[in-house]
């Protein structure tokens, strides 16, 4: 699977893909929707560009069949600490979900991180996403037992419809 490192010119398409996969009615085509407990955007162009610029070593990777075809998926990778990389924003087009594409993208992202020296991958998942947490569990990710507060008031994550959200931390040894 070819992963291409995103450039500034790719960010608008990535923002559209991520928002369509996680929020609003379009997201309901797939199983990764967050529309029942978060509304609004998942990200925007300014935030994504700023996060990339301010996070040393971070990269967004895009999955396309080739550079001239539509975007199928995207994933964020960044070094977190020695031997540990953070993986986030794993996204597959909603109309293509449930076709094993997410696991293919996840495996490719893990390979990229491992080639850059990762021995472990870490991620955070919203605590009420039982189906997603189980999906990652089947791919070797285990809960560390750590939770992190949900950033209420930070609209880059959307507008919460519930007051019991938090992040659980998952890790996998590579």
N, C-alpha and C. Protein backbone atom coordinates (compact mmCIF):
# COMPACT_ATOMS: atom_id res chain seq x y z
N UNK A 1 0.84 -1.18 0.00
CA UNK A 1 0.00 0.00 0.00
C UNK A 1 0.88 1.24 0.00
N UNK A 2 0.73 2.09 -0.97
CA UNK A 2 1.56 3.31 -0.99
C UNK A 2 1.01 4.39 -0.05
N UNK A 3 1.84 4.82 0.87
CA UNK A 3 1.52 5.97 1.72
C UNK A 3 2.35 7.14 1.23
N UNK A 4 1.72 8.27 1.08
CA UNK A 4 2.39 9.48 0.62
C UNK A 4 2.39 10.49 1.75
N UNK A 5 3.52 11.12 1.97
CA UNK A 5 3.58 12.16 3.00
C UNK A 5 2.82 13.38 2.50
N UNK A 6 1.92 13.89 3.32
CA UNK A 6 1.09 15.03 2.94
C UNK A 6 1.92 16.31 2.90
N UNK A 7 1.56 17.17 1.97
CA UNK A 7 2.14 18.50 1.88
C UNK A 7 1.04 19.51 2.22
N UNK A 8 1.41 20.76 2.30
CA UNK A 8 0.42 21.81 2.59
C UNK A 8 -0.72 21.80 1.57
N UNK A 9 -0.42 21.48 0.33
CA UNK A 9 -1.46 21.44 -0.70
C UNK A 9 -2.47 20.33 -0.48
N UNK A 10 -2.09 19.30 0.27
CA UNK A 10 -2.98 18.16 0.53
C UNK A 10 -3.92 18.39 1.72
N UNK A 11 -3.60 19.36 2.56
CA UNK A 11 -4.35 19.53 3.81
C UNK A 11 -5.85 19.78 3.62
N UNK A 12 -6.30 20.58 2.64
CA UNK A 12 -7.76 20.75 2.50
C UNK A 12 -8.49 19.42 2.24
N UNK A 13 -7.93 18.56 1.42
CA UNK A 13 -8.57 17.26 1.16
C UNK A 13 -8.55 16.38 2.40
N UNK A 14 -7.49 16.47 3.19
CA UNK A 14 -7.41 15.69 4.43
C UNK A 14 -8.45 16.18 5.42
N UNK A 15 -8.57 17.49 5.57
CA UNK A 15 -9.59 18.05 6.48
C UNK A 15 -10.98 17.58 6.07
N UNK A 16 -11.29 17.64 4.78
CA UNK A 16 -12.60 17.19 4.30
C UNK A 16 -12.82 15.71 4.61
N UNK A 17 -11.81 14.89 4.36
CA UNK A 17 -11.93 13.45 4.62
C UNK A 17 -12.16 13.17 6.10
N UNK A 18 -11.34 13.77 6.96
CA UNK A 18 -11.45 13.52 8.40
C UNK A 18 -12.82 13.96 8.92
N UNK A 19 -13.25 15.14 8.54
CA UNK A 19 -14.55 15.62 9.01
C UNK A 19 -15.70 14.75 8.49
N UNK A 20 -15.60 14.28 7.25
CA UNK A 20 -16.67 13.44 6.70
C UNK A 20 -16.69 12.06 7.34
N UNK A 21 -15.56 11.59 7.82
CA UNK A 21 -15.50 10.25 8.42
C UNK A 21 -15.96 10.23 9.87
N UNK A 22 -15.83 11.36 10.56
CA UNK A 22 -16.12 11.37 12.00
C UNK A 22 -17.37 12.15 12.39
N UNK A 23 -17.78 13.11 11.60
CA UNK A 23 -18.86 14.00 12.02
C UNK A 23 -19.93 14.12 10.94
N UNK A 24 -21.13 14.44 11.38
CA UNK A 24 -22.22 14.73 10.45
C UNK A 24 -22.82 13.48 9.83
N UNK A 25 -23.78 13.69 8.97
CA UNK A 25 -24.52 12.59 8.36
C UNK A 25 -23.64 11.72 7.47
N UNK A 26 -22.69 12.31 6.77
CA UNK A 26 -21.81 11.52 5.91
C UNK A 26 -21.07 10.45 6.70
N UNK A 27 -20.70 10.78 7.94
CA UNK A 27 -19.94 9.84 8.76
C UNK A 27 -20.75 8.59 9.09
N UNK A 28 -22.05 8.68 9.02
CA UNK A 28 -22.89 7.52 9.37
C UNK A 28 -22.83 6.43 8.30
N UNK A 29 -22.21 6.71 7.15
CA UNK A 29 -22.00 5.67 6.15
C UNK A 29 -20.99 4.63 6.64
N UNK A 30 -20.13 5.03 7.56
CA UNK A 30 -19.12 4.12 8.11
C UNK A 30 -19.41 3.82 9.56
N UNK A 31 -18.56 3.02 10.17
CA UNK A 31 -18.78 2.63 11.57
C UNK A 31 -17.94 3.45 12.54
N UNK A 32 -17.15 4.40 12.06
CA UNK A 32 -16.29 5.20 12.95
C UNK A 32 -16.90 6.54 13.34
N UNK A 33 -18.15 6.74 13.03
CA UNK A 33 -18.79 8.03 13.31
C UNK A 33 -18.74 8.39 14.80
N UNK A 34 -18.57 9.67 15.05
CA UNK A 34 -18.65 10.22 16.40
C UNK A 34 -19.87 11.15 16.53
N UNK A 35 -20.73 11.13 15.53
CA UNK A 35 -21.82 12.10 15.43
C UNK A 35 -22.84 12.00 16.56
N UNK A 36 -22.91 10.88 17.25
CA UNK A 36 -23.88 10.74 18.33
C UNK A 36 -23.43 11.40 19.63
N UNK A 37 -22.15 11.72 19.75
CA UNK A 37 -21.68 12.35 20.99
C UNK A 37 -20.79 13.56 20.78
N UNK A 38 -20.46 13.86 19.53
CA UNK A 38 -19.70 15.08 19.20
C UNK A 38 -20.29 15.67 17.93
N UNK A 39 -20.50 16.96 17.92
CA UNK A 39 -20.93 17.60 16.68
C UNK A 39 -19.92 18.68 16.32
N UNK A 40 -20.10 19.24 15.13
CA UNK A 40 -19.14 20.22 14.66
C UNK A 40 -17.98 19.53 13.96
N UNK A 41 -16.94 20.27 13.75
CA UNK A 41 -15.80 19.74 13.00
C UNK A 41 -14.91 18.86 13.87
N UNK A 42 -14.17 17.98 13.24
CA UNK A 42 -13.13 17.21 13.92
C UNK A 42 -11.80 17.94 13.82
N UNK A 43 -11.60 18.65 12.72
CA UNK A 43 -10.40 19.46 12.55
C UNK A 43 -10.69 20.54 11.52
N UNK A 44 -9.77 21.47 11.38
CA UNK A 44 -9.87 22.49 10.33
C UNK A 44 -8.47 22.74 9.78
N UNK A 45 -8.44 23.46 8.68
CA UNK A 45 -7.18 23.67 7.97
C UNK A 45 -6.15 24.39 8.82
N UNK A 46 -6.54 25.45 9.49
CA UNK A 46 -5.58 26.23 10.29
C UNK A 46 -5.01 25.40 11.44
N UNK A 47 -5.88 24.65 12.12
CA UNK A 47 -5.42 23.83 13.25
C UNK A 47 -4.48 22.73 12.78
N UNK A 48 -4.85 22.07 11.70
CA UNK A 48 -4.02 20.98 11.19
C UNK A 48 -2.65 21.50 10.75
N UNK A 49 -2.63 22.61 10.04
CA UNK A 49 -1.36 23.20 9.60
C UNK A 49 -0.51 23.62 10.79
N UNK A 50 -1.15 24.22 11.79
CA UNK A 50 -0.42 24.64 12.98
C UNK A 50 0.14 23.44 13.75
N UNK A 51 -0.68 22.41 13.92
CA UNK A 51 -0.23 21.21 14.64
C UNK A 51 0.98 20.58 13.95
N UNK A 52 0.95 20.52 12.64
CA UNK A 52 2.09 19.97 11.90
C UNK A 52 3.33 20.84 12.08
N UNK A 53 3.16 22.14 12.01
CA UNK A 53 4.30 23.06 12.12
C UNK A 53 4.89 23.06 13.53
N UNK A 54 4.05 22.85 14.54
CA UNK A 54 4.50 22.96 15.92
C UNK A 54 4.88 21.63 16.56
N UNK A 55 4.77 20.53 15.83
CA UNK A 55 5.08 19.22 16.39
C UNK A 55 6.28 18.64 15.67
N UNK A 56 7.46 18.73 16.29
CA UNK A 56 8.68 18.23 15.63
C UNK A 56 8.56 16.75 15.26
N UNK A 57 8.88 16.46 14.03
CA UNK A 57 8.87 15.08 13.55
C UNK A 57 7.52 14.54 13.14
N UNK A 58 6.45 15.31 13.37
CA UNK A 58 5.11 14.83 13.02
C UNK A 58 4.92 14.84 11.51
N UNK A 59 4.10 13.90 11.05
CA UNK A 59 3.78 13.84 9.63
C UNK A 59 2.39 13.27 9.45
N UNK A 60 1.72 13.74 8.45
CA UNK A 60 0.45 13.17 8.01
C UNK A 60 0.74 12.36 6.76
N UNK A 61 0.23 11.16 6.73
CA UNK A 61 0.40 10.31 5.56
C UNK A 61 -0.95 10.08 4.93
N UNK A 62 -0.95 10.03 3.60
CA UNK A 62 -2.18 9.83 2.84
C UNK A 62 -2.09 8.49 2.13
N UNK A 63 -3.23 7.86 2.00
CA UNK A 63 -3.31 6.63 1.25
C UNK A 63 -4.11 6.90 -0.01
N UNK A 64 -3.45 6.66 -1.11
CA UNK A 64 -4.07 6.75 -2.43
C UNK A 64 -3.56 5.57 -3.24
N UNK A 65 -4.32 5.15 -4.21
CA UNK A 65 -3.82 4.08 -5.07
C UNK A 65 -2.60 4.55 -5.85
N UNK A 66 -2.60 5.81 -6.24
CA UNK A 66 -1.42 6.46 -6.81
C UNK A 66 -1.60 7.96 -6.60
N UNK A 67 -0.56 8.75 -6.83
CA UNK A 67 -0.64 10.18 -6.47
C UNK A 67 -1.77 10.96 -7.12
N UNK A 68 -2.32 10.48 -8.21
CA UNK A 68 -3.35 11.23 -8.92
C UNK A 68 -4.77 10.73 -8.66
N UNK A 69 -4.93 9.78 -7.76
CA UNK A 69 -6.27 9.25 -7.48
C UNK A 69 -6.82 9.84 -6.19
N UNK A 70 -8.12 9.73 -5.97
CA UNK A 70 -8.72 10.32 -4.76
C UNK A 70 -8.14 9.74 -3.47
N UNK A 71 -8.21 10.54 -2.45
CA UNK A 71 -7.73 10.16 -1.12
C UNK A 71 -8.62 9.07 -0.53
N UNK A 72 -8.01 7.97 -0.08
CA UNK A 72 -8.75 6.86 0.53
C UNK A 72 -8.67 6.89 2.05
N UNK A 73 -7.54 7.37 2.55
CA UNK A 73 -7.35 7.40 3.99
C UNK A 73 -6.19 8.29 4.37
N UNK A 74 -6.07 8.51 5.68
CA UNK A 74 -4.97 9.32 6.19
C UNK A 74 -4.65 8.88 7.61
N UNK A 75 -3.44 9.18 8.05
CA UNK A 75 -3.02 8.84 9.41
C UNK A 75 -1.92 9.82 9.84
N UNK A 76 -1.94 10.17 11.11
CA UNK A 76 -0.96 11.08 11.72
C UNK A 76 0.04 10.24 12.50
N UNK A 77 1.33 10.53 12.35
CA UNK A 77 2.38 9.89 13.14
C UNK A 77 3.30 10.96 13.70
N UNK A 78 3.73 10.75 14.95
CA UNK A 78 4.71 11.67 15.54
C UNK A 78 5.51 10.93 16.61
N UNK A 79 6.79 11.27 16.73
CA UNK A 79 7.58 10.67 17.81
C UNK A 79 7.10 11.23 19.15
N UNK A 80 6.85 10.34 20.11
CA UNK A 80 6.37 10.77 21.42
C UNK A 80 7.49 10.79 22.44
N UNK A 81 8.30 9.77 22.43
CA UNK A 81 9.46 9.65 23.32
C UNK A 81 10.35 8.58 22.70
N UNK A 82 11.49 8.33 23.29
CA UNK A 82 12.44 7.37 22.72
C UNK A 82 11.76 6.03 22.46
N UNK A 83 11.71 5.63 21.19
CA UNK A 83 11.16 4.34 20.81
C UNK A 83 9.65 4.26 20.78
N UNK A 84 8.96 5.35 21.09
CA UNK A 84 7.49 5.36 21.12
C UNK A 84 6.98 6.42 20.15
N UNK A 85 6.08 6.02 19.28
CA UNK A 85 5.45 6.95 18.34
C UNK A 85 3.96 7.02 18.63
N UNK A 86 3.40 8.21 18.46
CA UNK A 86 1.97 8.43 18.61
C UNK A 86 1.32 8.30 17.25
N UNK A 87 0.21 7.57 17.18
CA UNK A 87 -0.57 7.40 15.96
C UNK A 87 -1.95 7.99 16.22
N UNK A 88 -2.39 8.84 15.33
CA UNK A 88 -3.70 9.45 15.49
C UNK A 88 -4.38 9.72 14.17
N UNK A 89 -5.61 10.16 14.25
CA UNK A 89 -6.40 10.56 13.09
C UNK A 89 -6.42 9.50 11.98
N UNK A 90 -6.40 8.23 12.38
CA UNK A 90 -6.53 7.16 11.40
C UNK A 90 -7.91 7.27 10.77
N UNK A 91 -7.96 7.49 9.48
CA UNK A 91 -9.21 7.80 8.80
C UNK A 91 -9.30 7.05 7.48
N UNK A 92 -10.45 6.44 7.24
CA UNK A 92 -10.76 5.81 5.96
C UNK A 92 -12.08 6.42 5.49
N UNK A 93 -12.19 6.66 4.20
CA UNK A 93 -13.43 7.20 3.64
C UNK A 93 -14.62 6.41 4.18
N UNK A 94 -15.67 7.10 4.64
CA UNK A 94 -16.81 6.39 5.24
C UNK A 94 -17.44 5.34 4.32
N UNK A 95 -17.54 5.63 3.03
CA UNK A 95 -18.17 4.69 2.11
C UNK A 95 -17.29 3.48 1.81
N UNK A 96 -16.05 3.48 2.28
CA UNK A 96 -15.15 2.35 2.05
C UNK A 96 -14.83 1.60 3.34
N UNK A 97 -15.45 2.00 4.44
CA UNK A 97 -15.18 1.32 5.71
C UNK A 97 -15.81 -0.07 5.72
N UNK A 98 -15.35 -0.90 6.63
CA UNK A 98 -15.79 -2.29 6.78
C UNK A 98 -15.34 -3.15 5.60
N UNK A 99 -14.22 -2.76 4.98
CA UNK A 99 -13.65 -3.54 3.88
C UNK A 99 -12.19 -3.90 4.17
N UNK A 100 -11.81 -3.85 5.43
CA UNK A 100 -10.46 -4.17 5.88
C UNK A 100 -9.41 -3.14 5.46
N UNK A 101 -9.87 -1.99 5.02
CA UNK A 101 -8.94 -0.94 4.61
C UNK A 101 -8.28 -0.28 5.81
N UNK A 102 -9.02 -0.13 6.90
CA UNK A 102 -8.46 0.48 8.11
C UNK A 102 -7.30 -0.32 8.66
N UNK A 103 -7.46 -1.63 8.70
CA UNK A 103 -6.36 -2.45 9.22
C UNK A 103 -5.16 -2.41 8.28
N UNK A 104 -5.40 -2.30 6.98
CA UNK A 104 -4.30 -2.18 6.03
C UNK A 104 -3.56 -0.86 6.24
N UNK A 105 -4.31 0.22 6.42
CA UNK A 105 -3.71 1.53 6.68
C UNK A 105 -2.96 1.52 8.01
N UNK A 106 -3.54 0.93 9.03
CA UNK A 106 -2.89 0.84 10.34
C UNK A 106 -1.57 0.09 10.23
N UNK A 107 -1.59 -1.04 9.55
CA UNK A 107 -0.37 -1.84 9.39
C UNK A 107 0.71 -1.04 8.65
N UNK A 108 0.32 -0.32 7.61
CA UNK A 108 1.29 0.49 6.86
C UNK A 108 1.86 1.60 7.73
N UNK A 109 1.03 2.23 8.54
CA UNK A 109 1.50 3.29 9.43
C UNK A 109 2.45 2.73 10.48
N UNK A 110 2.13 1.56 11.02
CA UNK A 110 3.03 0.92 11.98
C UNK A 110 4.39 0.62 11.35
N UNK A 111 4.38 0.20 10.09
CA UNK A 111 5.63 -0.09 9.39
C UNK A 111 6.46 1.18 9.20
N UNK A 112 5.81 2.29 8.88
CA UNK A 112 6.52 3.57 8.73
C UNK A 112 7.16 3.95 10.06
N UNK A 113 6.40 3.87 11.14
CA UNK A 113 6.93 4.23 12.46
C UNK A 113 8.08 3.31 12.85
N UNK A 114 7.91 2.03 12.60
CA UNK A 114 8.96 1.07 12.95
C UNK A 114 10.24 1.35 12.16
N UNK A 115 10.11 1.72 10.90
CA UNK A 115 11.28 2.06 10.09
C UNK A 115 11.99 3.30 10.62
N UNK A 116 11.26 4.13 11.36
CA UNK A 116 11.85 5.33 11.95
C UNK A 116 12.31 5.10 13.39
N UNK A 117 12.29 3.84 13.83
CA UNK A 117 12.82 3.51 15.15
C UNK A 117 11.80 3.23 16.23
N UNK A 118 10.53 3.21 15.89
CA UNK A 118 9.50 2.93 16.90
C UNK A 118 9.57 1.48 17.34
N UNK A 119 9.48 1.29 18.64
CA UNK A 119 9.33 -0.05 19.21
C UNK A 119 7.93 -0.25 19.78
N UNK A 120 7.24 0.89 19.97
CA UNK A 120 5.87 0.87 20.47
C UNK A 120 5.08 1.97 19.75
N UNK A 121 3.78 1.72 19.61
CA UNK A 121 2.86 2.73 19.10
C UNK A 121 1.88 3.04 20.22
N UNK A 122 1.60 4.32 20.40
CA UNK A 122 0.65 4.77 21.42
C UNK A 122 -0.45 5.57 20.72
N UNK A 123 -1.64 5.49 21.25
CA UNK A 123 -2.76 6.28 20.71
C UNK A 123 -3.74 6.57 21.83
N UNK A 124 -4.62 7.51 21.58
CA UNK A 124 -5.72 7.79 22.49
C UNK A 124 -7.03 7.60 21.74
N UNK A 125 -8.02 7.06 22.45
CA UNK A 125 -9.34 6.79 21.87
C UNK A 125 -10.38 7.27 22.88
N UNK A 126 -11.45 7.88 22.39
CA UNK A 126 -12.52 8.33 23.27
C UNK A 126 -13.07 7.12 24.04
N UNK A 127 -13.20 7.28 25.33
CA UNK A 127 -13.53 6.18 26.24
C UNK A 127 -14.82 5.44 25.92
N UNK A 128 -15.79 6.08 25.33
CA UNK A 128 -17.07 5.40 25.07
C UNK A 128 -17.09 4.67 23.73
N UNK A 129 -15.98 4.68 23.02
CA UNK A 129 -15.88 4.03 21.70
C UNK A 129 -15.54 2.55 21.88
N UNK A 130 -16.40 1.80 22.54
CA UNK A 130 -16.13 0.40 22.85
C UNK A 130 -15.82 -0.43 21.61
N UNK A 131 -16.56 -0.22 20.54
CA UNK A 131 -16.34 -0.99 19.31
C UNK A 131 -14.96 -0.68 18.73
N UNK A 132 -14.57 0.58 18.74
CA UNK A 132 -13.26 0.97 18.21
C UNK A 132 -12.14 0.46 19.11
N UNK A 133 -12.31 0.56 20.41
CA UNK A 133 -11.30 0.05 21.34
C UNK A 133 -11.12 -1.45 21.14
N UNK A 134 -12.22 -2.17 20.96
CA UNK A 134 -12.15 -3.61 20.70
C UNK A 134 -11.45 -3.89 19.36
N UNK A 135 -11.72 -3.06 18.35
CA UNK A 135 -11.08 -3.23 17.04
C UNK A 135 -9.57 -3.09 17.19
N UNK A 136 -9.12 -2.06 17.90
CA UNK A 136 -7.69 -1.90 18.12
C UNK A 136 -7.14 -3.05 18.97
N UNK A 137 -7.92 -3.54 19.91
CA UNK A 137 -7.49 -4.68 20.71
C UNK A 137 -7.21 -5.90 19.86
N UNK A 138 -8.04 -6.13 18.85
CA UNK A 138 -7.82 -7.27 17.95
C UNK A 138 -6.58 -7.07 17.08
N UNK A 139 -6.07 -5.86 17.04
CA UNK A 139 -4.85 -5.56 16.29
C UNK A 139 -3.64 -5.44 17.20
N UNK A 140 -3.77 -5.87 18.44
CA UNK A 140 -2.64 -5.93 19.36
C UNK A 140 -2.48 -4.75 20.29
N UNK A 141 -3.41 -3.82 20.28
CA UNK A 141 -3.33 -2.65 21.16
C UNK A 141 -4.00 -2.97 22.50
N UNK A 142 -3.31 -2.65 23.57
CA UNK A 142 -3.82 -2.88 24.92
C UNK A 142 -3.95 -1.56 25.66
N UNK A 143 -4.91 -1.51 26.56
CA UNK A 143 -5.05 -0.33 27.41
C UNK A 143 -3.88 -0.26 28.37
N UNK A 144 -3.36 0.94 28.54
CA UNK A 144 -2.29 1.14 29.52
C UNK A 144 -2.87 1.38 30.91
N UNK A 145 -4.18 1.59 30.99
CA UNK A 145 -4.82 1.94 32.25
C UNK A 145 -4.86 3.44 32.48
N UNK A 146 -4.16 4.18 31.63
CA UNK A 146 -4.12 5.64 31.74
C UNK A 146 -5.31 6.25 31.01
N UNK A 147 -5.89 7.27 31.60
CA UNK A 147 -6.91 8.06 30.92
C UNK A 147 -6.45 9.51 30.92
N UNK A 148 -6.93 10.24 29.94
CA UNK A 148 -6.63 11.67 29.83
C UNK A 148 -7.95 12.41 29.69
N UNK A 149 -8.02 13.60 30.24
CA UNK A 149 -9.29 14.34 30.17
C UNK A 149 -9.63 14.75 28.74
N UNK A 150 -10.90 14.74 28.45
CA UNK A 150 -11.36 15.26 27.16
C UNK A 150 -11.24 16.78 27.21
N UNK A 151 -10.78 17.39 26.13
CA UNK A 151 -10.57 18.84 26.14
C UNK A 151 -11.86 19.64 25.92
N UNK A 152 -12.74 19.58 26.90
CA UNK A 152 -13.97 20.37 26.82
C UNK A 152 -13.59 21.84 26.64
N UNK A 153 -14.28 22.52 25.74
CA UNK A 153 -14.00 23.92 25.47
C UNK A 153 -13.01 24.13 24.33
N UNK A 154 -12.35 23.08 23.88
CA UNK A 154 -11.42 23.17 22.75
C UNK A 154 -12.17 22.68 21.52
N UNK A 155 -12.69 23.62 20.74
CA UNK A 155 -13.58 23.23 19.64
C UNK A 155 -12.89 22.53 18.49
N UNK A 156 -11.57 22.36 18.54
CA UNK A 156 -10.92 21.60 17.46
C UNK A 156 -11.33 20.13 17.53
N UNK A 157 -11.83 19.69 18.67
CA UNK A 157 -12.33 18.32 18.80
C UNK A 157 -13.83 18.26 18.63
N UNK A 158 -14.46 19.37 18.35
CA UNK A 158 -15.90 19.41 18.18
C UNK A 158 -16.60 19.84 19.45
N UNK A 159 -17.90 19.83 19.40
CA UNK A 159 -18.73 20.23 20.52
C UNK A 159 -19.35 18.98 21.15
N UNK A 160 -18.94 18.64 22.38
CA UNK A 160 -19.45 17.43 23.02
C UNK A 160 -20.94 17.50 23.31
N UNK A 161 -21.61 16.40 23.10
CA UNK A 161 -23.02 16.27 23.42
C UNK A 161 -23.22 15.52 24.73
N UNK A 162 -22.11 15.12 25.37
CA UNK A 162 -22.13 14.38 26.64
C UNK A 162 -21.07 14.98 27.55
N UNK A 163 -21.23 14.73 28.85
CA UNK A 163 -20.26 15.28 29.80
C UNK A 163 -19.36 14.21 30.42
N UNK A 164 -19.36 13.00 29.84
CA UNK A 164 -18.58 11.91 30.42
C UNK A 164 -17.45 11.42 29.51
N UNK A 165 -16.99 12.27 28.61
CA UNK A 165 -15.96 11.86 27.66
C UNK A 165 -14.56 12.01 28.27
N UNK A 166 -13.71 11.08 27.91
CA UNK A 166 -12.29 11.10 28.28
C UNK A 166 -11.56 10.30 27.20
N UNK A 167 -10.25 10.30 27.25
CA UNK A 167 -9.46 9.48 26.34
C UNK A 167 -8.83 8.34 27.12
N UNK A 168 -8.85 7.15 26.55
CA UNK A 168 -8.08 6.04 27.08
C UNK A 168 -6.83 5.91 26.23
N UNK A 169 -5.74 5.50 26.85
CA UNK A 169 -4.46 5.35 26.15
C UNK A 169 -4.26 3.88 25.82
N UNK A 170 -3.98 3.60 24.56
CA UNK A 170 -3.70 2.25 24.08
C UNK A 170 -2.27 2.20 23.57
N UNK A 171 -1.63 1.05 23.72
CA UNK A 171 -0.27 0.87 23.20
C UNK A 171 -0.12 -0.52 22.61
N UNK A 172 0.82 -0.59 21.68
CA UNK A 172 1.16 -1.87 21.05
C UNK A 172 2.67 -1.94 20.89
N UNK A 173 3.23 -3.08 21.25
CA UNK A 173 4.65 -3.32 20.99
C UNK A 173 4.79 -3.77 19.54
N UNK A 174 5.78 -3.22 18.85
CA UNK A 174 6.00 -3.59 17.45
C UNK A 174 7.03 -4.72 17.36
